[in-house]
Amino acid sequence: MTTTGDELAGVLDLFGVLTREELADALTELAFKQGEEVDSDAVDAAIERALTAYVIVEYDPAADTAWTTEADATYLTVGPAAFPTLPSNAEDLPHILAVDSRPVDRERLATQVRHRLEADTEAAITQDNADRAAELHDISYDVGAWGPVDTDSIRASLSAVLPQD
């Protein structure tokens, strides 16, 4: 089964937040419903690509969030560069997985994503990686429009290392 980042985001959008393991379980269930096999390496690769592209993002909920399942779990949710798309048969997943909807604190998430964007920007600049800087420059617009955070200074840092036309 092949899955796009936007389909991963679509699955996450059904729940708000899933752990990485729950997302993998959801994809396994979808593959079964579609009569396909699941390649766990391909699932991991799809998740990593979507994370790198900010299509999905990690979310660290507050310690007192009612739905947290494990202290060391990695939670994933829809990112700023996503266009969530439901894969075929995904509408049944909430019943199959028996996972309730989990609300996301949008301000908390946006702040976390901005911090990650800052770190990724610093790494791209330090490594003199113009391709990644260009990707992050585009993503900075998505982050700024998506959440209540200012990304102007990040964009300015990235613009300074991009080739000028």
N, C-alpha and C. Protein backbone atom coordinates (compact mmCIF):
# COMPACT_ATOMS: atom_id res chain seq x y z
N MET A 1 0.84 -1.17 0.00
CA MET A 1 0.00 0.00 0.00
C MET A 1 0.89 1.24 0.00
N THR A 2 0.62 2.13 -0.90
CA THR A 2 1.34 3.40 -0.93
C THR A 2 0.43 4.50 -0.40
N THR A 3 1.02 5.41 0.32
CA THR A 3 0.26 6.48 0.95
C THR A 3 1.00 7.79 0.77
N THR A 4 0.26 8.82 0.41
CA THR A 4 0.85 10.15 0.29
C THR A 4 0.83 10.85 1.65
N GLY A 5 1.60 11.90 1.76
CA GLY A 5 1.59 12.69 2.99
C GLY A 5 0.22 13.28 3.26
N ASP A 6 -0.46 13.73 2.21
CA ASP A 6 -1.78 14.30 2.38
C ASP A 6 -2.79 13.25 2.85
N GLU A 7 -2.60 11.99 2.45
CA GLU A 7 -3.46 10.92 2.96
C GLU A 7 -3.16 10.64 4.43
N LEU A 8 -1.88 10.69 4.81
CA LEU A 8 -1.54 10.56 6.23
C LEU A 8 -2.22 11.67 7.02
N ALA A 9 -2.15 12.88 6.48
CA ALA A 9 -2.80 14.02 7.14
C ALA A 9 -4.31 13.82 7.21
N GLY A 10 -4.89 13.24 6.18
CA GLY A 10 -6.33 12.97 6.20
C GLY A 10 -6.71 12.00 7.30
N VAL A 11 -5.91 10.96 7.48
CA VAL A 11 -6.16 10.01 8.57
C VAL A 11 -6.02 10.71 9.91
N LEU A 12 -4.97 11.50 10.08
CA LEU A 12 -4.77 12.22 11.34
C LEU A 12 -5.91 13.20 11.59
N ASP A 13 -6.42 13.81 10.54
CA ASP A 13 -7.50 14.78 10.67
C ASP A 13 -8.77 14.14 11.24
N LEU A 14 -8.95 12.85 11.01
CA LEU A 14 -10.10 12.14 11.56
C LEU A 14 -10.06 12.11 13.09
N PHE A 15 -8.86 12.09 13.65
CA PHE A 15 -8.69 11.89 15.08
C PHE A 15 -8.18 13.13 15.81
N GLY A 16 -7.54 14.03 15.11
CA GLY A 16 -6.87 15.16 15.73
C GLY A 16 -5.41 14.83 15.96
N VAL A 17 -5.16 13.78 16.72
CA VAL A 17 -3.81 13.36 17.06
C VAL A 17 -3.79 11.83 17.16
N LEU A 18 -2.73 11.23 16.64
CA LEU A 18 -2.47 9.80 16.83
C LEU A 18 -1.01 9.62 17.21
N THR A 19 -0.73 8.54 17.90
CA THR A 19 0.67 8.19 18.09
C THR A 19 1.18 7.63 16.77
N ARG A 20 2.47 7.56 16.62
CA ARG A 20 3.06 6.98 15.41
C ARG A 20 2.56 5.54 15.23
N GLU A 21 2.48 4.81 16.33
CA GLU A 21 2.03 3.41 16.28
C GLU A 21 0.56 3.32 15.87
N GLU A 22 -0.27 4.22 16.40
CA GLU A 22 -1.68 4.23 16.01
C GLU A 22 -1.84 4.56 14.54
N LEU A 23 -1.04 5.49 14.03
CA LEU A 23 -1.10 5.81 12.60
C LEU A 23 -0.69 4.61 11.77
N ALA A 24 0.34 3.90 12.18
CA ALA A 24 0.76 2.69 11.46
C ALA A 24 -0.35 1.64 11.52
N ASP A 25 -1.01 1.49 12.67
CA ASP A 25 -2.14 0.55 12.78
C ASP A 25 -3.27 0.96 11.84
N ALA A 26 -3.54 2.25 11.75
CA ALA A 26 -4.60 2.74 10.86
C ALA A 26 -4.28 2.39 9.41
N LEU A 27 -3.03 2.55 9.02
CA LEU A 27 -2.63 2.23 7.65
C LEU A 27 -2.70 0.73 7.39
N THR A 28 -2.40 -0.06 8.40
CA THR A 28 -2.53 -1.51 8.27
C THR A 28 -3.99 -1.89 8.06
N GLU A 29 -4.88 -1.29 8.82
CA GLU A 29 -6.32 -1.55 8.67
C GLU A 29 -6.81 -1.12 7.28
N LEU A 30 -6.35 0.03 6.81
CA LEU A 30 -6.74 0.49 5.48
C LEU A 30 -6.27 -0.47 4.40
N ALA A 31 -5.05 -0.92 4.52
CA ALA A 31 -4.51 -1.87 3.54
C ALA A 31 -5.35 -3.15 3.53
N PHE A 32 -5.71 -3.65 4.69
CA PHE A 32 -6.53 -4.84 4.78
C PHE A 32 -7.86 -4.62 4.09
N LYS A 33 -8.50 -3.48 4.37
CA LYS A 33 -9.80 -3.16 3.75
C LYS A 33 -9.69 -3.02 2.24
N GLN A 34 -8.50 -2.63 1.75
CA GLN A 34 -8.29 -2.45 0.32
C GLN A 34 -7.71 -3.70 -0.33
N GLY A 35 -7.51 -4.76 0.46
CA GLY A 35 -6.97 -6.00 -0.07
C GLY A 35 -5.51 -5.91 -0.46
N GLU A 36 -4.77 -5.07 0.24
CA GLU A 36 -3.36 -4.87 -0.07
C GLU A 36 -2.49 -5.26 1.12
N GLU A 37 -1.21 -5.39 0.85
CA GLU A 37 -0.23 -5.67 1.89
C GLU A 37 0.35 -4.36 2.42
N VAL A 38 0.82 -4.39 3.65
CA VAL A 38 1.48 -3.22 4.22
C VAL A 38 2.96 -3.51 4.34
N ASP A 39 3.74 -2.58 3.84
CA ASP A 39 5.19 -2.65 3.98
C ASP A 39 5.56 -1.65 5.07
N SER A 40 5.92 -2.16 6.25
CA SER A 40 6.17 -1.25 7.38
C SER A 40 7.31 -0.28 7.09
N ASP A 41 8.29 -0.70 6.29
CA ASP A 41 9.37 0.22 5.92
C ASP A 41 8.84 1.36 5.06
N ALA A 42 7.90 1.03 4.16
CA ALA A 42 7.31 2.06 3.30
C ALA A 42 6.45 3.02 4.12
N VAL A 43 5.75 2.49 5.12
CA VAL A 43 4.95 3.34 6.01
C VAL A 43 5.87 4.29 6.77
N ASP A 44 6.94 3.76 7.34
CA ASP A 44 7.90 4.60 8.07
C ASP A 44 8.48 5.68 7.16
N ALA A 45 8.81 5.30 5.92
CA ALA A 45 9.38 6.26 4.97
C ALA A 45 8.37 7.34 4.62
N ALA A 46 7.10 6.96 4.44
CA ALA A 46 6.06 7.93 4.11
C ALA A 46 5.87 8.91 5.27
N ILE A 47 5.91 8.41 6.50
CA ILE A 47 5.78 9.27 7.67
C ILE A 47 6.96 10.24 7.74
N GLU A 48 8.16 9.74 7.52
CA GLU A 48 9.34 10.61 7.58
C GLU A 48 9.31 11.68 6.49
N ARG A 49 8.90 11.32 5.27
CA ARG A 49 8.79 12.32 4.19
C ARG A 49 7.77 13.40 4.55
N ALA A 50 6.64 12.96 5.10
CA ALA A 50 5.59 13.92 5.47
C ALA A 50 6.04 14.83 6.61
N LEU A 51 6.80 14.28 7.55
CA LEU A 51 7.34 15.10 8.63
C LEU A 51 8.35 16.12 8.10
N THR A 52 9.23 15.69 7.23
CA THR A 52 10.23 16.59 6.66
C THR A 52 9.58 17.74 5.89
N ALA A 53 8.47 17.44 5.22
CA ALA A 53 7.77 18.44 4.41
C ALA A 53 6.75 19.25 5.21
N TYR A 54 6.64 19.01 6.51
CA TYR A 54 5.68 19.70 7.37
C TYR A 54 4.23 19.42 6.97
N VAL A 55 4.01 18.30 6.31
CA VAL A 55 2.65 17.88 5.98
C VAL A 55 1.99 17.31 7.23
N ILE A 56 2.77 16.57 8.00
CA ILE A 56 2.36 16.17 9.33
C ILE A 56 3.46 16.66 10.28
N VAL A 57 3.11 16.85 11.53
CA VAL A 57 4.08 17.37 12.49
C VAL A 57 3.92 16.63 13.81
N GLU A 58 5.01 16.64 14.58
CA GLU A 58 4.95 16.09 15.93
C GLU A 58 4.28 17.11 16.84
N TYR A 59 3.57 16.59 17.82
CA TYR A 59 2.86 17.45 18.77
C TYR A 59 3.14 16.94 20.17
N ASP A 60 3.57 17.84 21.04
CA ASP A 60 3.82 17.52 22.43
C ASP A 60 2.69 18.15 23.25
N PRO A 61 1.71 17.34 23.64
CA PRO A 61 0.59 17.90 24.40
C PRO A 61 1.02 18.29 25.81
N ALA A 62 0.23 19.10 26.44
CA ALA A 62 0.49 19.46 27.84
C ALA A 62 0.40 18.19 28.69
N ALA A 63 1.14 18.17 29.77
CA ALA A 63 1.18 16.98 30.64
C ALA A 63 -0.19 16.62 31.20
N ASP A 64 -1.07 17.58 31.34
CA ASP A 64 -2.38 17.30 31.92
C ASP A 64 -3.47 17.05 30.87
N THR A 65 -3.08 16.84 29.61
CA THR A 65 -4.05 16.57 28.57
C THR A 65 -4.71 15.22 28.85
N ALA A 66 -6.02 15.20 28.83
CA ALA A 66 -6.77 14.00 29.23
C ALA A 66 -6.51 12.79 28.35
N TRP A 67 -6.20 12.99 27.07
CA TRP A 67 -6.10 11.84 26.17
C TRP A 67 -4.69 11.28 26.00
N THR A 68 -3.68 11.85 26.66
CA THR A 68 -2.33 11.31 26.49
C THR A 68 -2.31 9.86 26.94
N THR A 69 -1.64 9.03 26.14
CA THR A 69 -1.63 7.60 26.42
C THR A 69 -0.34 7.13 27.06
N GLU A 70 0.76 7.73 26.68
CA GLU A 70 2.06 7.34 27.21
C GLU A 70 2.93 8.58 27.33
N ALA A 71 3.73 8.62 28.37
CA ALA A 71 4.59 9.78 28.58
C ALA A 71 5.62 9.94 27.47
N ASP A 72 6.11 8.85 26.91
CA ASP A 72 7.16 8.94 25.90
C ASP A 72 6.65 8.70 24.48
N ALA A 73 5.34 8.73 24.29
CA ALA A 73 4.79 8.51 22.96
C ALA A 73 5.07 9.71 22.06
N THR A 74 5.25 9.44 20.77
CA THR A 74 5.38 10.50 19.78
C THR A 74 4.01 10.70 19.15
N TYR A 75 3.46 11.90 19.32
CA TYR A 75 2.15 12.21 18.77
C TYR A 75 2.31 12.96 17.45
N LEU A 76 1.44 12.64 16.52
CA LEU A 76 1.46 13.26 15.20
C LEU A 76 0.11 13.90 14.91
N THR A 77 0.16 15.00 14.17
CA THR A 77 -1.07 15.67 13.77
C THR A 77 -0.85 16.35 12.42
N VAL A 78 -1.88 16.95 11.90
CA VAL A 78 -1.85 17.61 10.59
C VAL A 78 -0.95 18.83 10.66
N GLY A 79 -0.09 18.99 9.67
CA GLY A 79 0.85 20.10 9.63
C GLY A 79 0.40 21.21 8.71
N PRO A 80 1.18 22.29 8.68
CA PRO A 80 0.81 23.48 7.92
C PRO A 80 0.89 23.32 6.41
N ALA A 81 1.64 22.35 5.91
CA ALA A 81 1.77 22.18 4.46
C ALA A 81 0.84 21.09 3.92
N ALA A 82 -0.12 20.67 4.74
CA ALA A 82 -1.01 19.57 4.36
C ALA A 82 -2.24 20.04 3.61
N PHE A 83 -2.68 19.18 2.72
CA PHE A 83 -4.00 19.26 2.11
C PHE A 83 -4.64 17.91 2.40
N PRO A 84 -5.19 17.75 3.63
CA PRO A 84 -5.66 16.43 4.05
C PRO A 84 -6.64 15.80 3.07
N THR A 85 -6.35 14.56 2.74
CA THR A 85 -7.16 13.79 1.81
C THR A 85 -7.45 12.44 2.45
N LEU A 86 -8.70 12.05 2.50
CA LEU A 86 -9.02 10.74 3.07
C LEU A 86 -8.77 9.63 2.05
N PRO A 87 -7.96 8.65 2.44
CA PRO A 87 -7.79 7.49 1.57
C PRO A 87 -9.10 6.70 1.52
N SER A 88 -9.22 5.85 0.55
CA SER A 88 -10.39 5.01 0.40
C SER A 88 -10.63 4.19 1.67
N ASN A 89 -11.87 4.17 2.14
CA ASN A 89 -12.33 3.41 3.31
C ASN A 89 -11.86 3.99 4.64
N ALA A 90 -11.25 5.15 4.65
CA ALA A 90 -10.72 5.71 5.89
C ALA A 90 -11.82 6.16 6.85
N GLU A 91 -13.00 6.44 6.34
CA GLU A 91 -14.07 6.93 7.22
C GLU A 91 -14.45 5.92 8.30
N ASP A 92 -14.10 4.65 8.13
CA ASP A 92 -14.40 3.63 9.12
C ASP A 92 -13.35 3.53 10.23
N LEU A 93 -12.22 4.18 10.05
CA LEU A 93 -11.11 4.03 10.99
C LEU A 93 -11.44 4.40 12.45
N PRO A 94 -12.20 5.45 12.71
CA PRO A 94 -12.49 5.75 14.12
C PRO A 94 -13.21 4.59 14.84
N HIS A 95 -14.02 3.86 14.10
CA HIS A 95 -14.73 2.72 14.70
C HIS A 95 -13.81 1.51 14.83
N ILE A 96 -12.97 1.32 13.84
CA ILE A 96 -12.06 0.17 13.85
C ILE A 96 -11.00 0.31 14.93
N LEU A 97 -10.40 1.48 15.02
CA LEU A 97 -9.32 1.69 15.99
C LEU A 97 -9.83 1.97 17.40
N ALA A 98 -11.07 2.35 17.52
CA ALA A 98 -11.67 2.68 18.82
C ALA A 98 -10.85 3.76 19.53
N VAL A 99 -10.47 4.78 18.79
CA VAL A 99 -9.75 5.92 19.33
C VAL A 99 -10.66 7.14 19.20
N ASP A 100 -10.91 7.79 20.32
CA ASP A 100 -11.74 8.98 20.31
C ASP A 100 -10.98 10.14 19.70
N SER A 101 -11.72 11.15 19.25
CA SER A 101 -11.11 12.36 18.74
C SER A 101 -10.32 13.03 19.86
N ARG A 102 -9.15 13.53 19.50
CA ARG A 102 -8.26 14.17 20.47
C ARG A 102 -8.03 15.60 20.05
N PRO A 103 -8.48 16.55 20.84
CA PRO A 103 -8.30 17.95 20.46
C PRO A 103 -6.84 18.39 20.55
N VAL A 104 -6.51 19.34 19.70
CA VAL A 104 -5.16 19.91 19.63
C VAL A 104 -5.23 21.36 20.08
N ASP A 105 -4.34 21.74 20.95
CA ASP A 105 -4.20 23.13 21.35
C ASP A 105 -3.44 23.82 20.22
N ARG A 106 -4.15 24.55 19.38
CA ARG A 106 -3.57 25.13 18.15
C ARG A 106 -2.44 26.11 18.45
N GLU A 107 -2.57 26.90 19.48
CA GLU A 107 -1.49 27.84 19.80
C GLU A 107 -0.24 27.10 20.24
N ARG A 108 -0.42 26.08 21.07
CA ARG A 108 0.71 25.27 21.53
C ARG A 108 1.38 24.60 20.33
N LEU A 109 0.58 24.02 19.46
CA LEU A 109 1.10 23.34 18.27
C LEU A 109 1.84 24.32 17.37
N ALA A 110 1.25 25.48 17.11
CA ALA A 110 1.89 26.46 16.23
C ALA A 110 3.23 26.92 16.80
N THR A 111 3.30 27.11 18.10
CA THR A 111 4.56 27.50 18.73
C THR A 111 5.60 26.40 18.58
N GLN A 112 5.19 25.16 18.77
CA GLN A 112 6.11 24.03 18.61
C GLN A 112 6.62 23.94 17.17
N VAL A 113 5.73 24.12 16.22
CA VAL A 113 6.12 24.05 14.81
C VAL A 113 7.06 25.20 14.47
N ARG A 114 6.80 26.38 15.00
CA ARG A 114 7.69 27.51 14.75
C ARG A 114 9.09 27.22 15.30
N HIS A 115 9.17 26.65 16.49
CA HIS A 115 10.48 26.31 17.07
C HIS A 115 11.20 25.28 16.20
N ARG A 116 10.47 24.32 15.70
CA ARG A 116 11.09 23.32 14.81
C ARG A 116 11.57 24.01 13.53
N LEU A 117 10.77 24.92 12.98
CA LEU A 117 11.17 25.63 11.77
C LEU A 117 12.43 26.45 12.01
N GLU A 118 12.53 27.06 13.18
CA GLU A 118 13.75 27.80 13.53
C GLU A 118 14.97 26.88 13.54
N ALA A 119 14.82 25.72 14.16
CA ALA A 119 15.94 24.76 14.24
C ALA A 119 16.31 24.23 12.86
N ASP A 120 15.30 23.91 12.05
CA ASP A 120 15.57 23.42 10.69
C ASP A 120 16.22 24.51 9.84
N THR A 121 15.81 25.76 10.05
CA THR A 121 16.40 26.89 9.33
C THR A 121 17.87 27.04 9.71
N GLU A 122 18.16 27.00 10.99
CA GLU A 122 19.55 27.11 11.44
C GLU A 122 20.40 25.99 10.85
N ALA A 123 19.87 24.77 10.83
CA ALA A 123 20.61 23.64 10.27
C ALA A 123 20.86 23.83 8.78
N ALA A 124 19.85 24.27 8.05
CA ALA A 124 20.02 24.47 6.60
C ALA A 124 21.05 25.55 6.31
N ILE A 125 21.04 26.61 7.10
CA ILE A 125 22.00 27.70 6.90
C ILE A 125 23.40 27.24 7.28
N THR A 126 23.53 26.56 8.40
CA THR A 126 24.84 26.07 8.85
C THR A 126 25.44 25.08 7.86
N GLN A 127 24.59 24.24 7.28
CA GLN A 127 25.06 23.23 6.33
C GLN A 127 25.14 23.78 4.91
N ASP A 128 24.81 25.06 4.74
CA ASP A 128 24.82 25.71 3.43
C ASP A 128 24.00 24.91 2.42
N ASN A 129 22.83 24.47 2.86
CA ASN A 129 21.94 23.64 2.05
C ASN A 129 20.87 24.53 1.42
N ALA A 130 21.17 25.03 0.24
CA ALA A 130 20.26 25.97 -0.43
C ALA A 130 18.93 25.31 -0.81
N ASP A 131 18.96 24.04 -1.18
CA ASP A 131 17.71 23.36 -1.54
C ASP A 131 16.78 23.28 -0.34
N ARG A 132 17.31 22.88 0.82
CA ARG A 132 16.48 22.79 2.02
C ARG A 132 16.05 24.18 2.46
N ALA A 133 16.92 25.16 2.33
CA ALA A 133 16.56 26.54 2.68
C ALA A 133 15.38 27.01 1.83
N ALA A 134 15.39 26.68 0.55
CA ALA A 134 14.29 27.07 -0.34
C ALA A 134 12.99 26.38 0.08
N GLU A 135 13.08 25.10 0.44
CA GLU A 135 11.89 24.38 0.91
C GLU A 135 11.35 25.03 2.18
N LEU A 136 12.24 25.31 3.11
CA LEU A 136 11.83 25.91 4.38
C LEU A 136 11.28 27.31 4.18
N HIS A 137 11.82 28.05 3.22
CA HIS A 137 11.30 29.38 2.91
C HIS A 137 9.83 29.28 2.52
N ASP A 138 9.52 28.33 1.63
CA ASP A 138 8.12 28.11 1.23
C ASP A 138 7.27 27.68 2.42
N ILE A 139 7.80 26.78 3.22
CA ILE A 139 7.06 26.28 4.38
C ILE A 139 6.81 27.40 5.38
N SER A 140 7.73 28.36 5.48
CA SER A 140 7.54 29.46 6.43
C SER A 140 6.26 30.25 6.14
N TYR A 141 5.91 30.37 4.87
CA TYR A 141 4.64 31.03 4.52
C TYR A 141 3.46 30.20 5.01
N ASP A 142 3.55 28.86 4.81
CA ASP A 142 2.48 27.98 5.27
C ASP A 142 2.30 28.08 6.79
N VAL A 143 3.41 28.04 7.52
CA VAL A 143 3.35 28.09 8.98
C VAL A 143 2.74 29.41 9.44
N GLY A 144 3.16 30.51 8.83
CA GLY A 144 2.64 31.82 9.22
C GLY A 144 1.16 31.97 8.95
N ALA A 145 0.67 31.38 7.87
CA ALA A 145 -0.75 31.46 7.54
C ALA A 145 -1.59 30.47 8.35
N TRP A 146 -0.98 29.39 8.78
CA TRP A 146 -1.65 28.27 9.44
C TRP A 146 -1.86 28.48 10.92
N GLY A 147 -0.89 29.10 11.57
CA GLY A 147 -0.97 29.24 13.02
C GLY A 147 -0.69 30.66 13.46
N PRO A 148 -1.04 30.94 14.71
CA PRO A 148 -0.85 32.30 15.22
C PRO A 148 0.60 32.57 15.64
N VAL A 149 1.51 32.44 14.67
CA VAL A 149 2.93 32.72 14.93
C VAL A 149 3.49 33.57 13.80
N ASP A 150 4.51 34.33 14.12
CA ASP A 150 5.17 35.19 13.14
C ASP A 150 6.41 34.47 12.61
N THR A 151 6.50 34.34 11.31
CA THR A 151 7.65 33.67 10.70
C THR A 151 8.48 34.61 9.84
N ASP A 152 8.25 35.92 9.96
CA ASP A 152 8.98 36.89 9.14
C ASP A 152 10.49 36.83 9.34
N SER A 153 10.93 36.71 10.59
CA SER A 153 12.37 36.69 10.85
C SER A 153 13.01 35.40 10.31
N ILE A 154 12.28 34.31 10.38
CA ILE A 154 12.78 33.04 9.82
C ILE A 154 12.92 33.17 8.31
N ARG A 155 11.88 33.71 7.69
CA ARG A 155 11.89 33.90 6.23
C ARG A 155 13.03 34.83 5.81
N ALA A 156 13.29 35.86 6.59
CA ALA A 156 14.38 36.79 6.27
C ALA A 156 15.72 36.08 6.35
N SER A 157 15.91 35.24 7.36
CA SER A 157 17.16 34.47 7.49
C SER A 157 17.35 33.54 6.29
N LEU A 158 16.26 32.93 5.88
CA LEU A 158 16.35 32.01 4.73
C LEU A 158 16.57 32.78 3.43
N SER A 159 15.92 33.90 3.29
CA SER A 159 16.08 34.72 2.07
C SER A 159 17.52 35.14 1.87
N ALA A 160 18.20 35.39 2.98
CA ALA A 160 19.59 35.85 2.91
C ALA A 160 20.53 34.81 2.32
N VAL A 161 20.16 33.54 2.37
CA VAL A 161 21.05 32.49 1.84
C VAL A 161 20.57 31.93 0.51
N LEU A 162 19.41 32.38 0.05
CA LEU A 162 18.89 31.89 -1.23
C LEU A 162 19.51 32.67 -2.38
N PRO A 163 19.71 32.01 -3.50
CA PRO A 163 20.23 32.72 -4.68
C PRO A 163 19.25 33.82 -5.09
N GLN A 164 19.79 34.98 -5.43
CA GLN A 164 18.97 36.10 -5.86
C GLN A 164 18.86 36.06 -7.39
N ASP A 165 17.65 36.28 -7.87
CA ASP A 165 17.41 36.28 -9.32
C ASP A 165 17.88 37.56 -9.97
